[in-house]
Amino acid sequence: MYLPTRDSEHAGLVKYIEQQLDALRASVHGLTEDEARSTPCRADLSLAGILKHTLQRIRQSTLRLGGEPDAPPEPMESIDDYRASFHLGPDESVADLLAHWDLARVRFLAVVPAADPTVEVVEPPAPWSGWDSPVSAHLRFHLVHLVEELARQAGHADILREEIDGVTVRTLVHTRARTAPNAYFTPYEADEGTLTY
């Protein structure tokens, strides 16, 4: 959890990115493989799919920030590539996805703090976000956009998790952080054989 503090603008962006990653990772804690793959809402969206999509996103951002990701990001050159980034194939397991996700996150968070938000960059086309050709920007745009995108995905994850078993991601984040119980929080206890840390 990112608690109130007197951070610089850049340190604040880094902490907010990290906070959203914490929420996304916690979203599958205590679920079975089938539950993590389930699509409990009208949209064809699962927690595993959200994690797969954000894995690609943090790999792309690691490269953009000059780091070396755990593996090359999958290309997103068409609408089919974009849609596929939200779905696990039959040969992919959630456990393997989480192992890759955890490694990618470590490598990503190793380069974000050193990123200079004032550097001029060229944002590649992102038709799903409204621009079809490369656009000049400062790296700050990329970092703030990451906060926005990760927060959106974490919000989706929270809704999906509540639909699966009624547990909030906030509860799972506090459980992972070993927050002391209080009137607002009771630690979650995962069943044996589920996806845990």
Protein backbone atom coordinates (compact mmCIF):
# COMPACT_ATOMS: atom_id res chain seq x y z
CA MET A 1 0.00 0.00 0.00
CA TYR A 2 1.22 3.48 -0.85
CA LEU A 3 0.73 5.53 2.30
CA PRO A 4 0.73 9.34 2.45
CA THR A 5 4.26 10.73 2.30
CA ARG A 6 6.28 13.65 0.92
CA ASP A 7 7.54 11.97 -2.24
CA SER A 8 8.68 13.70 -5.39
CA GLU A 9 6.36 13.57 -8.39
CA HIS A 10 8.41 10.80 -9.99
CA ALA A 11 8.68 8.74 -6.79
CA GLY A 12 4.91 9.07 -6.43
CA LEU A 13 4.35 7.73 -9.95
CA VAL A 14 6.63 4.78 -9.22
CA LYS A 15 4.76 4.00 -5.99
CA TYR A 16 1.36 4.23 -7.69
CA ILE A 17 2.53 1.87 -10.43
CA GLU A 18 3.79 -0.54 -7.79
CA GLN A 19 0.50 -0.29 -5.87
CA GLN A 20 -1.52 -1.24 -8.96
CA LEU A 21 0.80 -4.17 -9.64
CA ASP A 22 0.28 -5.34 -6.03
CA ALA A 23 -3.48 -5.27 -6.55
CA LEU A 24 -3.31 -7.14 -9.84
CA ARG A 25 -1.06 -9.87 -8.44
CA ALA A 26 -3.19 -10.26 -5.33
CA SER A 27 -6.39 -10.68 -7.36
CA VAL A 28 -5.86 -14.42 -7.93
CA HIS A 29 -4.64 -15.27 -4.42
CA GLY A 30 -6.61 -18.22 -3.07
CA LEU A 31 -8.30 -19.17 -6.35
CA THR A 32 -8.13 -22.41 -8.28
CA GLU A 33 -6.83 -22.54 -11.85
CA ASP A 34 -10.41 -22.79 -13.12
CA GLU A 35 -11.58 -19.85 -11.01
CA ALA A 36 -8.70 -17.66 -12.24
CA ARG A 37 -9.68 -18.52 -15.83
CA SER A 38 -13.42 -18.04 -15.27
CA THR A 39 -15.34 -15.17 -16.86
CA PRO A 40 -17.99 -14.38 -14.21
CA CYS A 41 -19.28 -11.20 -15.83
CA ARG A 42 -20.92 -10.54 -19.17
CA ALA A 43 -17.60 -9.57 -20.77
CA ASP A 44 -15.25 -12.34 -21.85
CA LEU A 45 -12.66 -11.30 -19.27
CA SER A 46 -10.88 -13.37 -16.63
CA LEU A 47 -8.38 -12.57 -13.92
CA ALA A 48 -5.81 -14.76 -15.68
CA GLY A 49 -6.47 -12.84 -18.90
CA ILE A 50 -5.94 -9.51 -17.17
CA LEU A 51 -2.65 -10.74 -15.73
CA LYS A 52 -1.54 -12.02 -19.15
CA HIS A 53 -2.34 -8.63 -20.72
CA THR A 54 -0.51 -6.68 -18.01
CA LEU A 55 2.46 -9.07 -18.31
CA GLN A 56 2.83 -7.98 -21.94
CA ARG A 57 2.43 -4.35 -20.94
CA ILE A 58 5.15 -4.43 -18.29
CA ARG A 59 7.48 -6.29 -20.67
CA GLN A 60 6.92 -3.58 -23.31
CA SER A 61 7.51 -0.83 -20.76
CA THR A 62 10.68 -2.50 -19.44
CA LEU A 63 12.10 -2.38 -22.98
CA ARG A 64 10.97 1.23 -23.48
CA LEU A 65 12.73 2.25 -20.27
CA GLY A 66 16.00 0.63 -21.32
CA GLY A 67 15.73 -2.56 -19.31
CA GLU A 68 15.81 -6.19 -20.27
CA PRO A 69 12.49 -7.99 -19.76
CA ASP A 70 12.33 -11.64 -18.73
CA ALA A 71 11.10 -12.44 -22.28
CA PRO A 72 10.24 -10.41 -25.38
CA PRO A 73 6.71 -9.02 -25.32
CA GLU A 74 4.22 -10.58 -27.70
CA PRO A 75 3.52 -8.37 -30.72
CA MET A 76 0.30 -6.38 -30.77
CA GLU A 77 0.05 -5.53 -34.43
CA SER A 78 -3.61 -6.33 -35.00
CA ILE A 79 -6.94 -6.43 -33.23
CA ASP A 80 -6.54 -10.21 -33.01
CA ASP A 81 -3.19 -9.82 -31.22
CA TYR A 82 -4.77 -7.34 -28.81
CA ARG A 83 -7.69 -9.67 -28.03
CA ALA A 84 -5.37 -12.66 -27.65
CA SER A 85 -3.37 -10.74 -25.03
CA PHE A 86 -6.37 -11.14 -22.69
CA HIS A 87 -6.74 -14.94 -23.01
CA LEU A 88 -4.71 -17.87 -21.76
CA GLY A 89 -4.33 -20.67 -24.28
CA PRO A 90 -5.03 -24.30 -23.38
CA ASP A 91 -1.27 -24.96 -23.12
CA GLU A 92 -0.74 -22.09 -20.64
CA SER A 93 -1.23 -22.47 -16.89
CA VAL A 94 -2.02 -19.74 -14.42
CA ALA A 95 0.85 -20.93 -12.19
CA ASP A 96 3.34 -20.52 -15.06
CA LEU A 97 1.82 -17.15 -15.95
CA LEU A 98 2.31 -15.97 -12.36
CA ALA A 99 5.96 -17.11 -12.35
CA HIS A 100 6.62 -15.08 -15.51
CA TRP A 101 4.57 -12.16 -14.18
CA ASP A 102 6.54 -12.03 -10.93
CA LEU A 103 9.89 -12.04 -12.74
CA ALA A 104 8.73 -9.43 -15.26
CA ARG A 105 7.49 -7.22 -12.44
CA VAL A 106 10.88 -7.33 -10.65
CA ARG A 107 12.73 -6.37 -13.84
CA PHE A 108 10.22 -3.62 -14.61
CA LEU A 109 10.36 -2.09 -11.14
CA ALA A 110 14.16 -2.12 -11.32
CA VAL A 111 14.13 0.33 -14.26
CA VAL A 112 11.13 2.57 -13.50
CA PRO A 113 12.78 4.57 -10.68
CA ALA A 114 15.69 5.56 -12.93
CA ALA A 115 13.46 6.71 -15.79
CA ASP A 116 13.71 10.45 -16.46
CA PRO A 117 10.14 11.73 -17.00
CA THR A 118 11.40 14.78 -18.92
CA VAL A 119 13.06 12.77 -21.72
CA GLU A 120 11.42 13.16 -25.11
CA VAL A 121 10.12 9.91 -26.58
CA VAL A 122 7.94 8.75 -29.42
CA GLU A 123 4.84 6.87 -28.36
CA PRO A 124 4.07 4.09 -30.84
CA PRO A 125 0.62 3.80 -32.41
CA ALA A 126 -2.05 2.55 -29.99
CA PRO A 127 -5.36 2.45 -31.87
CA TRP A 128 -7.08 0.90 -28.82
CA SER A 129 -6.23 4.13 -26.95
CA GLY A 130 -7.11 6.53 -29.74
CA TRP A 131 -3.93 7.27 -31.71
CA ASP A 132 -3.08 5.55 -34.99
CA SER A 133 0.40 6.89 -35.68
CA PRO A 134 3.55 7.63 -33.64
CA VAL A 135 3.28 10.71 -31.39
CA SER A 136 6.03 12.75 -29.68
CA ALA A 137 5.71 13.03 -25.91
CA HIS A 138 7.70 13.20 -22.71
CA LEU A 139 8.34 9.95 -20.87
CA ARG A 140 6.09 11.37 -18.13
CA PHE A 141 3.13 10.70 -20.45
CA HIS A 142 4.10 7.02 -20.64
CA LEU A 143 4.46 6.72 -16.86
CA VAL A 144 1.16 8.47 -16.10
CA HIS A 145 -0.55 6.40 -18.80
CA LEU A 146 0.81 3.26 -17.09
CA VAL A 147 -0.77 4.35 -13.80
CA GLU A 148 -4.07 4.89 -15.64
CA GLU A 149 -3.95 1.59 -17.50
CA LEU A 150 -2.85 -0.51 -14.54
CA ALA A 151 -5.46 1.12 -12.30
CA ARG A 152 -8.16 0.32 -14.87
CA GLN A 153 -7.05 -3.30 -15.04
CA ALA A 154 -6.86 -3.51 -11.23
CA GLY A 155 -10.42 -2.17 -11.04
CA HIS A 156 -11.60 -4.82 -13.50
CA ALA A 157 -9.77 -7.43 -11.42
CA ASP A 158 -11.49 -6.26 -8.24
CA ILE A 159 -14.94 -6.60 -9.84
CA LEU A 160 -14.16 -10.03 -11.27
CA ARG A 161 -12.81 -11.28 -7.95
CA GLU A 162 -15.88 -10.08 -6.08
CA GLU A 163 -18.07 -11.86 -8.64
CA ILE A 164 -16.13 -15.11 -8.15
CA ASP A 165 -16.19 -15.35 -4.35
CA GLY A 166 -17.11 -11.98 -2.84
CA VAL A 167 -13.55 -11.19 -1.71
CA THR A 168 -12.17 -7.72 -2.46
CA VAL A 169 -8.71 -7.19 -3.86
CA ARG A 170 -8.09 -4.68 -1.07
CA THR A 171 -8.56 -7.53 1.42
CA LEU A 172 -6.12 -9.67 -0.53
CA VAL A 173 -3.52 -6.89 -0.71
CA HIS A 174 -3.78 -6.34 3.05
CA THR A 175 -3.56 -10.09 3.63
CA ARG A 176 -0.41 -10.29 1.54
CA ALA A 177 1.07 -7.29 3.38
CA ARG A 178 0.23 -8.95 6.72
CA THR A 179 -1.76 -5.90 7.83
CA ALA A 180 -3.05 -6.25 11.38
CA PRO A 181 -6.80 -6.99 11.50
CA ASN A 182 -9.08 -4.10 12.39
CA ALA A 183 -12.73 -3.07 12.06
CA TYR A 184 -12.23 -2.65 8.28
CA PHE A 185 -10.11 -5.69 7.50
CA THR A 186 -10.07 -9.40 8.32
CA PRO A 187 -7.24 -11.44 6.78
CA TYR A 188 -8.24 -13.83 4.00
CA GLU A 189 -7.43 -17.50 4.45
CA ALA A 190 -6.79 -19.38 1.22
CA ASP A 191 -7.86 -22.99 0.82
CA GLU A 192 -5.24 -25.70 0.27
CA GLY A 193 -4.38 -26.31 -3.35
CA THR A 194 -5.16 -22.80 -4.53
CA LEU A 195 -2.92 -20.16 -6.10
CA THR A 196 -1.03 -18.56 -3.22
CA TYR A 197 2.21 -16.66 -2.77
